[in-house]
Amino acid sequence: VIPMEVPTLEKMKFPEAIEAFTKESRG
């Protein structure tokens, strides 16, 4: 099964560090 709705960080309640990774510019 592939959900059609793209998940959000807020809905998934991921650890804080994961959102911080999305702010990285390289690496």
PDB file of all heavy atoms in Angstrom:
ATOM      1  N   VAL A   1       0.839  -1.201   0.000  1.00  0.00           N
ATOM      2  CA  VAL A   1       0.000   0.000   0.000  1.00  0.00           C
ATOM      3  C   VAL A   1       0.873   1.250   0.000  1.00  0.00           C
ATOM      4  O   VAL A   1       1.817   1.376   0.785  1.00  0.00           O
ATOM      5  CB  VAL A   1      -0.929   0.014   1.232  1.00  0.00           C
ATOM      6  CG1 VAL A   1      -1.698   1.330   1.304  1.00  0.00           C
ATOM      7  CG2 VAL A   1      -1.899  -1.158   1.186  1.00  0.00           C
ATOM      8  N   ILE A   2       0.567   2.196  -0.886  1.00  0.00           N
ATOM      9  CA  ILE A   2       1.225   3.499  -0.893  1.00  0.00           C
ATOM     10  C   ILE A   2       0.166   4.556  -0.581  1.00  0.00           C
ATOM     11  O   ILE A   2      -0.747   4.763  -1.390  1.00  0.00           O
ATOM     12  CB  ILE A   2       1.851   3.830  -2.259  1.00  0.00           C
ATOM     13  CG1 ILE A   2       2.827   2.745  -2.695  1.00  0.00           C
ATOM     14  CG2 ILE A   2       2.541   5.182  -2.214  1.00  0.00           C
ATOM     15  CD1 ILE A   2       3.345   2.941  -4.108  1.00  0.00           C
ATOM     16  N   PRO A   3       0.247   5.211   0.555  1.00  0.00           N
ATOM     17  CA  PRO A   3      -0.727   6.266   0.852  1.00  0.00           C
ATOM     18  C   PRO A   3      -0.655   7.383  -0.192  1.00  0.00           C
ATOM     19  O   PRO A   3       0.435   7.786  -0.601  1.00  0.00           O
ATOM     20  CB  PRO A   3      -0.284   6.780   2.231  1.00  0.00           C
ATOM     21  CG  PRO A   3       0.523   5.663   2.812  1.00  0.00           C
ATOM     22  CD  PRO A   3       1.205   5.014   1.640  1.00  0.00           C
ATOM     23  N   MET A   4      -1.805   7.847  -0.652  1.00  0.00           N
ATOM     24  CA  MET A   4      -1.838   8.918  -1.642  1.00  0.00           C
ATOM     25  C   MET A   4      -1.492  10.259  -1.013  1.00  0.00           C
ATOM     26  O   MET A   4      -0.914  11.134  -1.637  1.00  0.00           O
ATOM     27  CB  MET A   4      -3.222   8.992  -2.293  1.00  0.00           C
ATOM     28  CG  MET A   4      -3.518   7.812  -3.196  1.00  0.00           C
ATOM     29  SD  MET A   4      -2.514   7.812  -4.689  1.00  0.00           S
ATOM     30  CE  MET A   4      -3.316   9.106  -5.632  1.00  0.00           C
ATOM     31  N   GLU A   5      -1.863  10.415   0.261  1.00  0.00           N
ATOM     32  CA  GLU A   5      -1.590  11.674   0.952  1.00  0.00           C
ATOM     33  C   GLU A   5      -0.130  11.719   1.387  1.00  0.00           C
ATOM     34  O   GLU A   5       0.353  10.822   2.074  1.00  0.00           O
ATOM     35  CB  GLU A   5      -2.498  11.806   2.184  1.00  0.00           C
ATOM     36  CG  GLU A   5      -2.313  13.102   2.941  1.00  0.00           C
ATOM     37  CD  GLU A   5      -3.181  13.171   4.185  1.00  0.00           C
ATOM     38  OE1 GLU A   5      -4.002  12.252   4.390  1.00  0.00           O
ATOM     39  OE2 GLU A   5      -3.042  14.147   4.940  1.00  0.00           O
ATOM     40  N   VAL A   6       0.568  12.759   0.963  1.00  0.00           N
ATOM     41  CA  VAL A   6       1.963  12.904   1.350  1.00  0.00           C
ATOM     42  C   VAL A   6       2.022  13.236   2.837  1.00  0.00           C
ATOM     43  O   VAL A   6       1.369  14.181   3.291  1.00  0.00           O
ATOM     44  CB  VAL A   6       2.659  14.003   0.525  1.00  0.00           C
ATOM     45  CG1 VAL A   6       4.107  14.171   0.961  1.00  0.00           C
ATOM     46  CG2 VAL A   6       2.595  13.655  -0.958  1.00  0.00           C
ATOM     47  N   PRO A   7       2.760  12.480   3.643  1.00  0.00           N
ATOM     48  CA  PRO A   7       2.797  12.709   5.092  1.00  0.00           C
ATOM     49  C   PRO A   7       3.498  14.023   5.445  1.00  0.00           C
ATOM     50  O   PRO A   7       4.353  14.509   4.695  1.00  0.00           O
ATOM     51  CB  PRO A   7       3.594  11.517   5.613  1.00  0.00           C
ATOM     52  CG  PRO A   7       4.455  11.109   4.465  1.00  0.00           C
ATOM     53  CD  PRO A   7       3.643  11.377   3.232  1.00  0.00           C
ATOM     54  N   THR A   8       3.134  14.580   6.588  1.00  0.00           N
ATOM     55  CA  THR A   8       3.775  15.791   7.083  1.00  0.00           C
ATOM     56  C   THR A   8       4.521  15.481   8.370  1.00  0.00           C
ATOM     57  O   THR A   8       4.166  14.547   9.090  1.00  0.00           O
ATOM     58  CB  THR A   8       2.745  16.903   7.362  1.00  0.00           C
ATOM     59  OG1 THR A   8       1.876  16.469   8.428  1.00  0.00           O
ATOM     60  CG2 THR A   8       1.906  17.202   6.126  1.00  0.00           C
ATOM     61  N   LEU A   9       5.557  16.269   8.658  1.00  0.00           N
ATOM     62  CA  LEU A   9       6.309  16.067   9.891  1.00  0.00           C
ATOM     63  C   LEU A   9       5.412  16.268  11.108  1.00  0.00           C
ATOM     64  O   LEU A   9       5.524  15.546  12.105  1.00  0.00           O
ATOM     65  CB  LEU A   9       7.489  17.039   9.950  1.00  0.00           C
ATOM     66  CG  LEU A   9       8.610  16.822   8.923  1.00  0.00           C
ATOM     67  CD1 LEU A   9       9.742  17.807   9.180  1.00  0.00           C
ATOM     68  CD2 LEU A   9       9.140  15.395   8.970  1.00  0.00           C
ATOM     69  N   GLU A  10       4.528  17.237  11.024  1.00  0.00           N
ATOM     70  CA  GLU A  10       3.634  17.526  12.157  1.00  0.00           C
ATOM     71  C   GLU A  10       2.714  16.346  12.447  1.00  0.00           C
ATOM     72  O   GLU A  10       2.549  15.930  13.595  1.00  0.00           O
ATOM     73  CB  GLU A  10       2.791  18.765  11.852  1.00  0.00           C
ATOM     74  CG  GLU A  10       1.867  19.173  12.981  1.00  0.00           C
ATOM     75  CD  GLU A  10       1.062  20.421  12.662  1.00  0.00           C
ATOM     76  OE1 GLU A  10       1.157  20.918  11.522  1.00  0.00           O
ATOM     77  OE2 GLU A  10       0.332  20.889  13.556  1.00  0.00           O
ATOM     78  N   LYS A  11       2.145  15.762  11.397  1.00  0.00           N
ATOM     79  CA  LYS A  11       1.232  14.646  11.577  1.00  0.00           C
ATOM     80  C   LYS A  11       1.956  13.396  12.074  1.00  0.00           C
ATOM     81  O   LYS A  11       1.423  12.645  12.907  1.00  0.00           O
ATOM     82  CB  LYS A  11       0.517  14.339  10.257  1.00  0.00           C
ATOM     83  CG  LYS A  11      -0.525  13.239  10.358  1.00  0.00           C
ATOM     84  CD  LYS A  11      -1.249  13.053   9.042  1.00  0.00           C
ATOM     85  CE  LYS A  11      -2.314  11.962   9.154  1.00  0.00           C
ATOM     86  NZ  LYS A  11      -3.043  11.778   7.869  1.00  0.00           N
ATOM     87  N   MET A  12       3.186  13.193  11.605  1.00  0.00           N
ATOM     88  CA  MET A  12       3.940  12.005  11.980  1.00  0.00           C
ATOM     89  C   MET A  12       4.543  12.116  13.382  1.00  0.00           C
ATOM     90  O   MET A  12       4.974  11.120  13.956  1.00  0.00           O
ATOM     91  CB  MET A  12       5.061  11.748  10.965  1.00  0.00           C
ATOM     92  CG  MET A  12       4.578  11.523   9.540  1.00  0.00           C
ATOM     93  SD  MET A  12       3.393  10.184   9.353  1.00  0.00           S
ATOM     94  CE  MET A  12       4.417   8.777   9.737  1.00  0.00           C
ATOM     95  N   LYS A  13       4.610  13.306  13.920  1.00  0.00           N
ATOM     96  CA  LYS A  13       5.144  13.546  15.272  1.00  0.00           C
ATOM     97  C   LYS A  13       6.560  12.996  15.426  1.00  0.00           C
ATOM     98  O   LYS A  13       6.887  12.293  16.382  1.00  0.00           O
ATOM     99  CB  LYS A  13       4.211  12.934  16.331  1.00  0.00           C
ATOM    100  CG  LYS A  13       2.820  13.564  16.337  1.00  0.00           C
ATOM    101  CD  LYS A  13       1.918  12.949  17.391  1.00  0.00           C
ATOM    102  CE  LYS A  13       0.537  13.589  17.361  1.00  0.00           C
ATOM    103  NZ  LYS A  13      -0.380  12.977  18.351  1.00  0.00           N
ATOM    104  N   PHE A  14       7.404  13.338  14.448  1.00  0.00           N
ATOM    105  CA  PHE A  14       8.792  12.893  14.466  1.00  0.00           C
ATOM    106  C   PHE A  14       9.600  13.670  15.499  1.00  0.00           C
ATOM    107  O   PHE A  14       9.226  14.773  15.895  1.00  0.00           O
ATOM    108  CB  PHE A  14       9.426  13.092  13.088  1.00  0.00           C
ATOM    109  CG  PHE A  14       8.965  12.104  12.049  1.00  0.00           C
ATOM    110  CD1 PHE A  14       8.909  12.458  10.717  1.00  0.00           C
ATOM    111  CD2 PHE A  14       8.606  10.813  12.393  1.00  0.00           C
ATOM    112  CE1 PHE A  14       8.515  11.558   9.750  1.00  0.00           C
ATOM    113  CE2 PHE A  14       8.199   9.896  11.440  1.00  0.00           C
ATOM    114  CZ  PHE A  14       8.150  10.271  10.112  1.00  0.00           C
ATOM    115  N   PRO A  15      10.737  13.131  15.919  1.00  0.00           N
ATOM    116  CA  PRO A  15      11.633  13.861  16.823  1.00  0.00           C
ATOM    117  C   PRO A  15      12.075  15.194  16.214  1.00  0.00           C
ATOM    118  O   PRO A  15      12.139  15.350  14.985  1.00  0.00           O
ATOM    119  CB  PRO A  15      12.825  12.908  16.975  1.00  0.00           C
ATOM    120  CG  PRO A  15      12.269  11.549  16.697  1.00  0.00           C
ATOM    121  CD  PRO A  15      11.213  11.750  15.659  1.00  0.00           C
ATOM    122  N   GLU A  16      12.404  16.159  17.080  1.00  0.00           N
ATOM    123  CA  GLU A  16      12.760  17.515  16.636  1.00  0.00           C
ATOM    124  C   GLU A  16      13.907  17.532  15.638  1.00  0.00           C
ATOM    125  O   GLU A  16      13.925  18.339  14.707  1.00  0.00           O
ATOM    126  CB  GLU A  16      13.154  18.373  17.843  1.00  0.00           C
ATOM    127  CG  GLU A  16      12.011  18.725  18.771  1.00  0.00           C
ATOM    128  CD  GLU A  16      12.486  19.589  19.937  1.00  0.00           C
ATOM    129  OE1 GLU A  16      13.266  20.531  19.680  1.00  0.00           O
ATOM    130  OE2 GLU A  16      12.097  19.301  21.075  1.00  0.00           O
ATOM    131  N   ALA A  17      14.881  16.656  15.822  1.00  0.00           N
ATOM    132  CA  ALA A  17      16.075  16.675  14.975  1.00  0.00           C
ATOM    133  C   ALA A  17      15.738  16.443  13.509  1.00  0.00           C
ATOM    134  O   ALA A  17      16.449  16.944  12.626  1.00  0.00           O
ATOM    135  CB  ALA A  17      17.071  15.626  15.452  1.00  0.00           C
ATOM    136  N   ILE A  18      14.658  15.745  13.233  1.00  0.00           N
ATOM    137  CA  ILE A  18      14.324  15.431  11.845  1.00  0.00           C
ATOM    138  C   ILE A  18      13.908  16.691  11.097  1.00  0.00           C
ATOM    139  O   ILE A  18      14.284  16.896   9.938  1.00  0.00           O
ATOM    140  CB  ILE A  18      13.240  14.340  11.793  1.00  0.00           C
ATOM    141  CG1 ILE A  18      13.821  13.035  12.344  1.00  0.00           C
ATOM    142  CG2 ILE A  18      12.717  14.148  10.376  1.00  0.00           C
ATOM    143  CD1 ILE A  18      12.894  11.858  12.330  1.00  0.00           C
ATOM    144  N   GLU A  19      13.166  17.563  11.746  1.00  0.00           N
ATOM    145  CA  GLU A  19      12.837  18.839  11.109  1.00  0.00           C
ATOM    146  C   GLU A  19      14.100  19.664  10.879  1.00  0.00           C
ATOM    147  O   GLU A  19      14.249  20.319   9.844  1.00  0.00           O
ATOM    148  CB  GLU A  19      11.845  19.635  11.956  1.00  0.00           C
ATOM    149  CG  GLU A  19      11.447  20.953  11.309  1.00  0.00           C
ATOM    150  CD  GLU A  19      10.410  21.728  12.103  1.00  0.00           C
ATOM    151  OE1 GLU A  19       9.911  21.196  13.117  1.00  0.00           O
ATOM    152  OE2 GLU A  19      10.098  22.870  11.705  1.00  0.00           O
ATOM    153  N   ALA A  20      15.023  19.615  11.829  1.00  0.00           N
ATOM    154  CA  ALA A  20      16.278  20.357  11.687  1.00  0.00           C
ATOM    155  C   ALA A  20      17.073  19.875  10.471  1.00  0.00           C
ATOM    156  O   ALA A  20      17.731  20.672   9.794  1.00  0.00           O
ATOM    157  CB  ALA A  20      17.117  20.219  12.952  1.00  0.00           C
ATOM    158  N   PHE A  21      16.993  18.579  10.171  1.00  0.00           N
ATOM    159  CA  PHE A  21      17.694  18.053   8.999  1.00  0.00           C
ATOM    160  C   PHE A  21      17.186  18.697   7.712  1.00  0.00           C
ATOM    161  O   PHE A  21      17.945  18.869   6.760  1.00  0.00           O
ATOM    162  CB  PHE A  21      17.518  16.534   8.900  1.00  0.00           C
ATOM    163  CG  PHE A  21      18.275  15.749   9.943  1.00  0.00           C
ATOM    164  CD1 PHE A  21      17.809  14.515  10.382  1.00  0.00           C
ATOM    165  CD2 PHE A  21      19.456  16.229  10.484  1.00  0.00           C
ATOM    166  CE1 PHE A  21      18.499  13.779  11.333  1.00  0.00           C
ATOM    167  CE2 PHE A  21      20.156  15.502  11.446  1.00  0.00           C
ATOM    168  CZ  PHE A  21      19.682  14.287  11.870  1.00  0.00           C
ATOM    169  N   THR A  22      15.901  19.044   7.664  1.00  0.00           N
ATOM    170  CA  THR A  22      15.336  19.632   6.443  1.00  0.00           C
ATOM    171  C   THR A  22      15.833  21.055   6.216  1.00  0.00           C
ATOM    172  O   THR A  22      15.648  21.611   5.122  1.00  0.00           O
ATOM    173  CB  THR A  22      13.796  19.645   6.478  1.00  0.00           C
ATOM    174  OG1 THR A  22      13.333  20.555   7.497  1.00  0.00           O
ATOM    175  CG2 THR A  22      13.241  18.259   6.757  1.00  0.00           C
ATOM    176  N   LYS A  23      16.449  21.650   7.225  1.00  0.00           N
ATOM    177  CA  LYS A  23      16.974  23.010   7.106  1.00  0.00           C
ATOM    178  C   LYS A  23      18.428  23.029   6.639  1.00  0.00           C
ATOM    179  O   LYS A  23      18.986  24.093   6.374  1.00  0.00           O
ATOM    180  CB  LYS A  23      16.872  23.747   8.447  1.00  0.00           C
ATOM    181  CG  LYS A  23      15.518  23.685   9.131  1.00  0.00           C
ATOM    182  CD  LYS A  23      14.411  24.270   8.283  1.00  0.00           C
ATOM    183  CE  LYS A  23      13.067  24.210   9.025  1.00  0.00           C
ATOM    184  NZ  LYS A  23      11.935  24.621   8.159  1.00  0.00           N
ATOM    185  N   GLU A  24      19.049  21.852   6.561  1.00  0.00           N
ATOM    186  CA  GLU A  24      20.438  21.781   6.115  1.00  0.00           C
ATOM    187  C   GLU A  24      20.543  22.202   4.650  1.00  0.00           C
ATOM    188  O   GLU A  24      19.627  21.973   3.849  1.00  0.00           O
ATOM    189  CB  GLU A  24      20.983  20.359   6.267  1.00  0.00           C
ATOM    190  CG  GLU A  24      21.079  19.869   7.705  1.00  0.00           C
ATOM    191  CD  GLU A  24      22.252  20.475   8.460  1.00  0.00           C
ATOM    192  OE1 GLU A  24      23.063  21.199   7.835  1.00  0.00           O
ATOM    193  OE2 GLU A  24      22.355  20.212   9.681  1.00  0.00           O
ATOM    194  N   SER A  25      21.657  22.801   4.285  1.00  0.00           N
ATOM    195  CA  SER A  25      21.851  23.242   2.899  1.00  0.00           C
ATOM    196  C   SER A  25      22.753  22.296   2.112  1.00  0.00           C
ATOM    197  O   SER A  25      22.740  22.311   0.878  1.00  0.00           O
ATOM    198  CB  SER A  25      22.453  24.646   2.875  1.00  0.00           C
ATOM    199  OG  SER A  25      23.687  24.671   3.573  1.00  0.00           O
ATOM    200  N   ARG A  26      23.516  21.455   2.809  1.00  0.00           N
ATOM    201  CA  ARG A  26      24.403  20.516   2.138  1.00  0.00           C
ATOM    202  C   ARG A  26      24.707  19.353   3.071  1.00  0.00           C
ATOM    203  O   ARG A  26      24.456  19.421   4.273  1.00  0.00           O
ATOM    204  CB  ARG A  26      25.703  21.200   1.719  1.00  0.00           C
ATOM    205  CG  ARG A  26      26.472  21.794   2.883  1.00  0.00           C
ATOM    206  CD  ARG A  26      27.713  22.539   2.413  1.00  0.00           C
ATOM    207  NE  ARG A  26      28.700  21.618   1.836  1.00  0.00           N
ATOM    208  CZ  ARG A  26      29.855  22.020   1.310  1.00  0.00           C
ATOM    209  NH1 ARG A  26      30.137  23.308   1.239  1.00  0.00           N
ATOM    210  NH2 ARG A  26      30.703  21.141   0.843  1.00  0.00           N
ATOM    211  N   GLY A  27      25.254  18.269   2.504  1.00  0.00           N
ATOM    212  CA  GLY A  27      25.610  17.122   3.323  1.00  0.00           C
ATOM    213  C   GLY A  27      24.779  15.899   2.978  1.00  0.00           C
ATOM    214  O   GLY A  27      23.980  15.897   2.038  1.00  0.00           O
TER     215      GLY A  27
END
